[in-house]
Amino acid sequence: MCSPGEAPPGPAPAGDLPPEWETDDERMAFLFSAFKQSREVNSTEWDSKMSFWVGLVLARGRRRGAVRTCLRELQNGFERRGSVPLGLGTVLRELLRRGKLQRESDFMASVDSSWISWGVGVFILKPLKWTLSSVLGDSKIPEEEEVLIYVELLQEKAEEVYRFYQNSALSSHPVVALSELRSLCAGLCPDERTFYLLLLQLQKEKRVTILEQNGEKIVKFARGLHAKVSPMNDVDIGVYQLMQSEQLLSQKVESLSQEAEKCKEDARSACRAGKKQLALRCLKAKRRTERRIQELHSKLDAVQGILDRIYASQTDQMVFNAYQAGVGALKLSMKDVTVERAENLVDQIQELCDTQDEVAQTLAGVGINGLEMDSEELEKELDSLLQDSSKDSLDLPPVPQKVLSAPISDAELEAELEKLSVSAG
């Protein structure tokens, strides 16, 4: 199949086809016939037929949302009463010439990437582009199973993946595991092969870069919608390793918390059964596990602190760049402003404000003395409120004086065991 992993394509729905598809047999017979060998024989008919099929082929790709197609898939999609269009090969060749379609092999060979390996036997080498394509050229009609790509649709879907990532929680990290990105984009990409094609398009646009680290591929995105991605460096790899450590530590803490809870339940069960020594051993195991959780928490805090400082430094750099751009814009906007013109403008504004104040006072019938009297009354009321609030005192609980002791003694374990015994009883 030319579209592995995708749903088997079927005939186009009636609503996606032109009105004459079912009503005008004579017209459809002409459209389903093969093209003349030369357009010069009858350029009007040739152009009319080509325009019909070009629009229909591109509309079908956009309706299905699949960036990949082939001649056989289109023949099946446009089958009419047991017949298939005989000129679709010529239409695809024309779309290749216009740049609306591109051979998948040529597209992948145009991207400088050493990580293309899909597990389906697809390995594209650069020499392939210069041997087959240069000899055969775009004049060759695609074979039935040869995979073609809708160029504009591929670019649009790659942009959609990029924006989807930027709006996700993963964008807070400079790098992300390829497997995590694949899970994030599962709803946007119908199959894994399309997902890789979209990544290749983003890499071609210099918006992502991909590196294999310890057998796992990691992806670095450009920081910003119109920025270009910088090459993967040691800092990016170090941040990725810290992120992996943070994830492993969090998982270990969660696992140990469940283990400590289980030890507590085992001790309670032993109390019910009257097995005191077994209950004590369970409590000791619980305390050891809790101390281990505390140690891991301190390491996890350290890792998270380092990551926070890295992210803060990146934010500071972005702020610095924004300030720098702002200063340049301010200089540009104020190049015609002088101090003398500014002083003159301020004088005019002050004169207008004074005139407006005089008019407002005249209309309101309120003098300056009245305003001073209101201000004095407000200050007295404020002093009264401040004196009342100073009389209130806060009742705070006493500061605890007890200090946490060092290792738990057997006597304390006995006391905890007694509590468990009572609750079990």
Protein backbone atom coordinates (compact mmCIF):
# COMPACT_ATOMS: atom_id res chain seq x y z
CA MET A 1 0.00 0.00 0.00
CA CYS A 2 1.17 3.54 -0.68
CA SER A 3 -0.17 4.79 2.65
CA PRO A 4 0.82 2.28 5.33
CA GLY A 5 -0.76 2.78 8.71
CA GLU A 6 -3.62 4.88 7.38
CA ALA A 7 -7.26 3.91 7.01
CA PRO A 8 -7.95 2.32 3.62
CA PRO A 9 -9.14 5.13 1.33
CA GLY A 10 -12.51 4.75 -0.33
CA PRO A 11 -14.53 6.57 -2.95
CA ALA A 12 -15.01 10.27 -2.39
CA PRO A 13 -18.34 11.20 -0.73
CA ALA A 14 -20.97 12.61 -3.06
CA GLY A 15 -20.77 16.02 -1.38
CA ASP A 16 -17.08 16.35 -2.33
CA LEU A 17 -17.72 15.75 -6.02
CA PRO A 18 -18.93 18.24 -8.65
CA PRO A 19 -22.64 18.23 -9.66
CA GLU A 20 -21.98 16.71 -13.11
CA TRP A 21 -20.42 13.61 -11.52
CA GLU A 22 -23.80 11.83 -11.40
CA THR A 23 -25.88 13.83 -13.87
CA ASP A 24 -23.77 14.42 -16.98
CA ASP A 25 -22.50 11.15 -18.41
CA GLU A 26 -21.19 12.75 -21.59
CA ARG A 27 -19.13 15.30 -19.69
CA MET A 28 -17.76 12.64 -17.31
CA ALA A 29 -16.87 10.36 -20.21
CA PHE A 30 -14.69 13.15 -21.61
CA LEU A 31 -13.11 13.84 -18.21
CA PHE A 32 -12.38 10.14 -17.60
CA SER A 33 -10.68 9.72 -20.99
CA ALA A 34 -6.92 9.91 -21.38
CA PHE A 35 -5.14 13.15 -22.24
CA LYS A 36 -3.94 13.76 -25.77
CA GLN A 37 -0.23 13.23 -26.17
CA SER A 38 0.23 16.90 -27.00
CA ARG A 39 -1.58 19.83 -25.51
CA GLU A 40 -1.27 21.65 -28.83
CA VAL A 41 -3.87 19.35 -30.43
CA ASN A 42 -6.68 21.05 -28.52
CA SER A 43 -5.38 23.32 -25.76
CA THR A 44 -8.87 24.38 -24.61
CA GLU A 45 -10.07 20.84 -23.90
CA TRP A 46 -6.71 19.87 -22.43
CA ASP A 47 -6.70 22.84 -20.03
CA SER A 48 -10.35 22.27 -19.05
CA LYS A 49 -9.75 18.64 -18.17
CA MET A 50 -6.51 19.43 -16.33
CA SER A 51 -8.15 22.22 -14.30
CA PHE A 52 -10.98 19.86 -13.27
CA TRP A 53 -8.70 17.09 -12.01
CA VAL A 54 -6.08 19.34 -10.40
CA GLY A 55 -8.73 20.98 -8.23
CA LEU A 56 -10.30 17.64 -7.35
CA VAL A 57 -6.99 15.95 -6.43
CA LEU A 58 -5.87 18.82 -4.18
CA ALA A 59 -9.31 19.08 -2.56
CA ARG A 60 -9.32 15.35 -1.80
CA GLY A 61 -5.97 15.56 -0.03
CA ARG A 62 -7.10 18.47 2.09
CA ARG A 63 -10.42 16.79 2.94
CA ARG A 64 -8.70 13.61 4.09
CA GLY A 65 -5.99 15.51 5.95
CA ALA A 66 -3.38 12.99 4.77
CA VAL A 67 -0.11 14.44 3.50
CA ARG A 68 0.71 11.29 1.48
CA THR A 69 -0.99 9.78 -1.53
CA CYS A 70 -0.27 7.73 -4.66
CA LEU A 71 -1.75 7.07 -8.07
CA ARG A 72 -3.59 3.91 -7.00
CA GLU A 73 -5.18 5.61 -3.98
CA LEU A 74 -6.49 8.40 -6.19
CA GLN A 75 -7.82 5.96 -8.81
CA ASN A 76 -9.75 4.11 -6.11
CA GLY A 77 -11.01 7.39 -4.68
CA PHE A 78 -12.32 8.66 -8.02
CA GLU A 79 -13.79 5.41 -9.31
CA ARG A 80 -17.14 5.98 -11.04
CA ARG A 81 -19.44 3.14 -12.06
CA GLY A 82 -16.57 0.69 -12.33
CA SER A 83 -14.30 3.07 -14.28
CA VAL A 84 -11.22 4.97 -13.15
CA PRO A 85 -9.84 8.21 -14.68
CA LEU A 86 -7.31 7.33 -17.37
CA GLY A 87 -5.50 10.66 -17.22
CA LEU A 88 -4.64 10.81 -13.51
CA GLY A 89 -0.99 9.97 -14.20
CA THR A 90 -0.71 13.01 -16.44
CA VAL A 91 -2.42 15.13 -13.77
CA LEU A 92 0.06 14.01 -11.10
CA ARG A 93 2.97 14.76 -13.41
CA GLU A 94 1.58 18.27 -13.90
CA LEU A 95 1.18 18.75 -10.13
CA LEU A 96 4.79 17.63 -9.65
CA ARG A 97 5.87 20.18 -12.25
CA ARG A 98 3.94 22.95 -10.48
CA GLY A 99 5.41 22.02 -7.09
CA LYS A 100 2.04 21.13 -5.58
CA LEU A 101 3.17 17.52 -5.16
CA GLN A 102 6.62 16.10 -4.44
CA ARG A 103 7.97 12.57 -4.48
CA GLU A 104 8.50 11.37 -0.93
CA SER A 105 11.96 10.03 -1.81
CA ASP A 106 13.03 13.42 -3.19
CA PHE A 107 11.68 15.22 -0.14
CA MET A 108 13.56 13.03 2.33
CA ALA A 109 16.75 13.20 0.29
CA SER A 110 16.54 17.01 0.39
CA VAL A 111 16.70 17.07 4.19
CA ASP A 112 20.11 16.61 5.76
CA SER A 113 19.27 14.09 8.46
CA SER A 114 21.11 11.06 9.75
CA TRP A 115 18.33 9.79 12.03
CA ILE A 116 15.80 8.59 9.40
CA SER A 117 15.14 5.01 10.45
CA TRP A 118 11.55 3.88 10.67
CA GLY A 119 11.92 0.12 10.98
CA VAL A 120 10.12 -0.46 7.67
CA GLY A 121 13.15 -0.73 5.44
CA VAL A 122 13.07 2.92 4.33
CA PHE A 123 16.58 4.34 4.04
CA ILE A 124 16.96 7.24 1.65
CA LEU A 125 20.45 8.17 0.52
CA LYS A 126 21.34 11.49 -1.09
CA PRO A 127 22.84 9.89 -4.24
CA LEU A 128 19.37 8.53 -5.00
CA LYS A 129 18.16 12.06 -5.68
CA TRP A 130 20.91 12.71 -8.19
CA THR A 131 20.68 9.35 -9.98
CA LEU A 132 16.98 8.60 -10.43
CA SER A 133 15.61 12.14 -10.39
CA SER A 134 18.28 13.58 -12.63
CA VAL A 135 17.90 10.78 -15.19
CA LEU A 136 14.13 10.43 -15.14
CA GLY A 137 13.22 13.97 -14.11
CA ASP A 138 9.75 15.19 -13.17
CA SER A 139 8.47 14.27 -16.64
CA LYS A 140 8.15 10.65 -15.52
CA ILE A 141 4.58 9.67 -14.64
CA PRO A 142 4.52 8.29 -11.06
CA GLU A 143 4.00 4.57 -10.69
CA GLU A 144 0.87 3.27 -8.97
CA GLU A 145 2.57 2.68 -5.61
CA GLU A 146 5.02 5.61 -5.66
CA VAL A 147 4.33 7.82 -2.64
CA LEU A 148 3.69 11.50 -3.26
CA ILE A 149 3.42 14.36 -0.78
CA TYR A 150 1.00 17.30 -0.75
CA VAL A 151 3.58 20.07 -0.28
CA GLU A 152 1.31 22.81 1.11
CA LEU A 153 -0.56 20.42 3.38
CA LEU A 154 2.73 19.09 4.78
CA GLN A 155 3.88 22.63 5.58
CA GLU A 156 0.57 23.50 7.25
CA LYS A 157 0.55 20.36 9.40
CA ALA A 158 4.18 20.91 10.39
CA GLU A 159 3.22 24.42 11.52
CA GLU A 160 0.32 22.92 13.48
CA VAL A 161 2.67 20.50 15.27
CA TYR A 162 5.06 23.32 16.09
CA ARG A 163 2.34 25.55 17.56
CA PHE A 164 0.80 22.61 19.43
CA TYR A 165 4.15 21.94 21.09
CA GLN A 166 4.68 25.63 21.94
CA ASN A 167 1.30 25.70 23.73
CA SER A 168 1.93 22.47 25.67
CA ALA A 169 3.59 21.85 29.03
CA LEU A 170 6.58 20.28 27.25
CA SER A 171 7.60 23.68 25.85
CA SER A 172 8.90 24.70 29.29
CA HIS A 173 11.90 22.45 28.63
CA PRO A 174 14.47 23.28 25.94
CA VAL A 175 14.59 19.67 24.74
CA VAL A 176 12.11 16.80 24.71
CA ALA A 177 12.30 13.07 24.08
CA LEU A 178 11.07 12.02 20.65
CA SER A 179 8.79 9.42 22.26
CA GLU A 180 7.13 12.09 24.44
CA LEU A 181 6.62 14.33 21.42
CA ARG A 182 5.08 11.44 19.49
CA SER A 183 2.59 10.85 22.30
CA LEU A 184 1.77 14.56 22.43
CA CYS A 185 1.07 14.71 18.67
CA ALA A 186 -0.84 11.43 18.44
CA GLY A 187 -4.06 13.26 17.64
CA LEU A 188 -2.45 15.33 14.88
CA CYS A 189 -0.60 12.56 13.05
CA PRO A 190 -2.51 9.50 11.78
CA ASP A 191 0.59 7.30 11.67
CA GLU A 192 4.24 7.30 12.65
CA ARG A 193 5.50 7.84 9.12
CA THR A 194 3.52 11.05 8.76
CA PHE A 195 4.87 12.18 12.14
CA TYR A 196 8.44 11.77 10.93
CA LEU A 197 7.65 13.59 7.69
CA LEU A 198 6.35 16.55 9.70
CA LEU A 199 9.51 16.56 11.81
CA LEU A 200 11.62 16.46 8.66
CA GLN A 201 9.71 19.47 7.33
CA LEU A 202 10.36 21.35 10.59
CA GLN A 203 14.02 20.36 10.41
CA LYS A 204 14.13 21.60 6.82
CA GLU A 205 12.75 24.94 8.05
CA LYS A 206 15.45 24.98 10.79
CA ARG A 207 12.84 25.01 13.55
CA VAL A 208 13.88 21.71 15.15
CA THR A 209 17.06 19.72 15.43
CA ILE A 210 17.27 16.08 16.48
CA LEU A 211 20.09 14.16 18.11
CA GLU A 212 20.43 10.56 19.23
CA GLN A 213 21.68 10.29 22.81
CA ASN A 214 22.30 6.88 24.43
CA GLY A 215 20.03 5.15 21.96
CA GLU A 216 17.17 7.64 22.36
CA LYS A 217 16.35 10.50 20.01
CA ILE A 218 15.85 13.92 21.58
CA VAL A 219 14.32 16.97 19.87
CA LYS A 220 15.20 20.61 20.36
CA PHE A 221 12.73 23.27 19.21
CA ALA A 222 13.40 26.87 18.28
CA ARG A 223 12.43 29.28 21.07
CA GLY A 224 9.79 31.42 19.39
CA LEU A 225 7.42 31.18 16.46
CA HIS A 226 9.79 32.85 13.99
CA ALA A 227 13.15 31.87 15.49
CA LYS A 228 15.71 29.44 14.08
CA VAL A 229 16.85 26.55 16.24
CA SER A 230 20.43 26.53 17.44
CA PRO A 231 22.54 23.36 17.19
CA MET A 232 22.29 20.84 20.02
CA ASN A 233 25.11 21.50 22.51
CA ASP A 234 26.43 20.05 25.77
CA VAL A 235 24.13 22.30 27.82
CA ASP A 236 21.05 20.92 26.04
CA ILE A 237 22.22 17.35 26.62
CA GLY A 238 22.96 18.13 30.28
CA VAL A 239 19.50 19.64 30.76
CA TYR A 240 17.93 16.58 29.15
CA GLN A 241 19.85 14.29 31.51
CA LEU A 242 18.71 16.39 34.48
CA MET A 243 15.13 16.11 33.27
CA GLN A 244 15.52 12.33 33.05
CA SER A 245 16.97 12.27 36.58
CA GLU A 246 14.08 14.36 37.87
CA GLN A 247 11.60 11.96 36.31
CA LEU A 248 13.35 8.87 37.72
CA LEU A 249 13.61 10.38 41.20
CA SER A 250 9.93 11.31 41.20
CA GLN A 251 8.98 7.78 40.17
CA LYS A 252 11.23 6.31 42.89
CA VAL A 253 9.72 8.56 45.56
CA GLU A 254 6.23 7.51 44.50
CA SER A 255 7.22 3.84 44.62
CA LEU A 256 8.81 4.15 48.09
CA SER A 257 5.76 6.02 49.42
CA GLN A 258 3.58 3.10 48.39
CA GLU A 259 6.07 0.70 50.00
CA ALA A 260 6.02 2.63 53.32
CA GLU A 261 2.23 2.57 53.33
CA LYS A 262 2.30 -1.18 52.74
CA CYS A 263 4.68 -1.68 55.71
CA LYS A 264 2.27 0.24 57.89
CA GLU A 265 -0.65 -1.93 56.79
CA ASP A 266 1.43 -5.08 57.39
CA ALA A 267 2.23 -3.90 60.93
CA ARG A 268 -1.45 -3.28 61.61
CA SER A 269 -2.32 -6.75 60.30
CA ALA A 270 0.39 -8.32 62.49
CA CYS A 271 -1.07 -6.52 65.51
CA ARG A 272 -4.47 -7.99 64.80
CA ALA A 273 -2.90 -11.44 64.58
CA GLY A 274 -0.98 -10.94 67.84
CA LYS A 275 2.45 -11.15 66.13
CA LYS A 276 4.31 -8.45 68.00
CA GLN A 277 7.82 -9.12 66.66
CA LEU A 278 6.60 -9.17 63.08
CA ALA A 279 4.79 -5.88 63.64
CA LEU A 280 8.00 -4.33 65.04
CA ARG A 281 9.97 -5.46 61.99
CA CYS A 282 7.36 -3.92 59.70
CA LEU A 283 7.55 -0.62 61.57
CA LYS A 284 11.35 -0.60 61.34
CA ALA A 285 11.11 -1.21 57.60
CA LYS A 286 8.60 1.62 57.34
CA ARG A 287 10.98 4.02 59.15
CA ARG A 288 13.90 3.01 56.92
CA THR A 289 11.78 3.60 53.85
CA GLU A 290 10.69 7.02 55.12
CA ARG A 291 14.33 8.04 55.73
CA ARG A 292 15.15 6.95 52.17
CA ILE A 293 12.24 9.04 50.86
CA GLN A 294 13.62 12.08 52.69
CA GLU A 295 17.04 11.55 51.13
CA LEU A 296 15.53 11.27 47.65
CA HIS A 297 13.41 14.37 48.26
CA SER A 298 16.54 16.38 49.03
CA LYS A 299 18.19 15.16 45.81
CA LEU A 300 15.03 15.88 43.85
CA ASP A 301 14.91 19.41 45.26
CA ALA A 302 18.53 19.92 44.19
CA VAL A 303 17.82 18.76 40.63
CA GLN A 304 14.70 20.92 40.39
CA GLY A 305 16.63 23.89 41.75
CA ILE A 306 19.27 23.51 39.02
CA LEU A 307 16.60 23.26 36.33
CA ASP A 308 14.81 26.32 37.71
CA ARG A 309 18.04 28.32 37.55
CA ILE A 310 18.62 27.21 33.96
CA TYR A 311 15.10 28.23 32.94
CA ALA A 312 15.47 31.53 34.82
CA SER A 313 18.71 32.29 32.98
CA GLN A 314 16.99 31.61 29.67
CA THR A 315 14.14 33.92 30.68
CA ASP A 316 16.63 36.61 31.73
CA GLN A 317 18.26 36.37 28.32
CA MET A 318 14.88 36.77 26.63
CA VAL A 319 14.13 39.80 28.81
CA PHE A 320 17.53 41.27 27.99
CA ASN A 321 16.91 40.81 24.28
CA ALA A 322 13.48 42.42 24.66
CA TYR A 323 15.00 45.42 26.49
CA GLN A 324 17.64 45.75 23.82
CA ALA A 325 15.04 45.73 21.07
CA GLY A 326 12.91 48.19 23.05
CA VAL A 327 15.79 50.64 23.44
CA GLY A 328 16.38 50.52 19.70
CA ALA A 329 12.71 51.17 19.00
CA LEU A 330 12.67 54.03 21.52
CA LYS A 331 15.69 55.66 19.92
CA LEU A 332 14.05 55.38 16.53
CA SER A 333 10.75 56.83 17.73
CA MET A 334 12.40 59.77 19.55
CA LYS A 335 14.90 60.79 16.90
CA ASP A 336 12.87 63.96 16.07
CA VAL A 337 12.12 64.89 19.72
CA THR A 338 14.10 67.71 21.33
CA VAL A 339 14.13 69.07 24.88
CA GLU A 340 12.99 72.53 23.75
CA ARG A 341 9.97 71.12 21.88
CA ALA A 342 9.11 68.94 24.89
CA GLU A 343 9.27 71.93 27.31
CA ASN A 344 7.09 73.99 25.02
CA LEU A 345 4.56 71.17 24.82
CA VAL A 346 4.52 70.77 28.63
CA ASP A 347 3.91 74.52 29.07
CA GLN A 348 0.97 74.38 26.70
CA ILE A 349 -0.49 71.38 28.51
CA GLN A 350 -0.08 73.08 31.91
CA GLU A 351 -1.78 76.22 30.66
CA LEU A 352 -4.73 74.22 29.35
CA CYS A 353 -4.99 72.31 32.65
CA ASP A 354 -5.02 75.54 34.69
CA THR A 355 -7.76 76.95 32.50
CA GLN A 356 -9.77 73.76 32.82
CA ASP A 357 -9.43 73.81 36.65
CA GLU A 358 -10.67 77.39 36.83
CA VAL A 359 -13.66 76.62 34.63
CA ALA A 360 -14.52 73.51 36.67
CA GLN A 361 -14.35 75.41 39.98
CA THR A 362 -16.51 78.19 38.63
CA LEU A 363 -19.16 75.80 37.37
CA ALA A 364 -19.19 73.79 40.60
CA GLY A 365 -19.29 76.85 42.86
CA VAL A 366 -16.69 75.38 45.13
CA GLY A 367 -13.76 77.47 46.42
CA ILE A 368 -10.33 76.51 47.50
CA ASN A 369 -11.24 76.94 51.20
CA GLY A 370 -13.93 74.32 50.92
CA LEU A 371 -11.46 71.83 49.49
CA GLU A 372 -8.98 72.52 52.31
CA MET A 373 -11.73 71.99 54.89
CA ASP A 374 -12.66 68.61 53.35
CA SER A 375 -9.00 67.55 53.39
CA GLU A 376 -8.64 68.45 57.10
CA GLU A 377 -11.73 66.41 58.02
CA LEU A 378 -10.45 63.40 56.04
CA GLU A 379 -7.07 63.57 57.80
CA LYS A 380 -8.76 63.62 61.23
CA GLU A 381 -10.87 60.61 60.33
CA LEU A 382 -7.76 58.79 59.10
CA ASP A 383 -5.92 59.51 62.38
CA SER A 384 -8.88 58.11 64.30
CA LEU A 385 -8.83 54.91 62.28
CA LEU A 386 -5.10 54.50 62.80
CA GLN A 387 -5.41 54.89 66.58
CA ASP A 388 -8.18 52.27 66.72
CA SER A 389 -6.22 49.78 64.65
CA SER A 390 -3.10 50.20 66.84
CA LYS A 391 -5.08 48.96 69.85
CA ASP A 392 -5.79 45.61 68.21
CA SER A 393 -3.28 42.84 68.85
CA LEU A 394 -2.78 39.55 67.10
CA ASP A 395 -3.11 36.34 69.11
CA LEU A 396 -0.46 34.03 67.74
CA PRO A 397 0.12 30.46 68.90
CA PRO A 398 3.31 29.79 70.89
CA VAL A 399 6.38 28.74 68.95
CA PRO A 400 7.01 25.02 69.36
CA GLN A 401 10.21 24.32 71.33
CA LYS A 402 10.46 20.59 70.73
CA VAL A 403 13.34 19.55 68.44
CA LEU A 404 13.16 16.44 66.26
CA SER A 405 15.15 13.68 67.79
CA ALA A 406 17.69 11.45 66.03
CA PRO A 407 17.04 7.76 65.31
CA ILE A 408 13.83 6.29 66.70
CA SER A 409 14.35 4.07 69.72
CA ASP A 410 12.71 0.73 70.39
CA ALA A 411 10.64 2.34 73.13
CA GLU A 412 9.08 4.73 70.62
CA LEU A 413 8.43 1.85 68.26
CA GLU A 414 6.75 0.03 71.17
CA ALA A 415 4.57 3.10 71.75
CA GLU A 416 3.57 3.27 68.09
CA LEU A 417 2.88 -0.44 68.14
CA GLU A 418 0.58 0.07 71.15
CA LYS A 419 -1.36 2.68 69.16
CA LEU A 420 -1.73 0.29 66.26
CA SER A 421 -2.86 -2.44 68.65
CA VAL A 422 -5.49 -0.19 70.15
CA SER A 423 -6.76 0.89 66.71
CA ALA A 424 -6.78 -2.73 65.55
CA GLY A 425 -8.74 -3.73 68.65
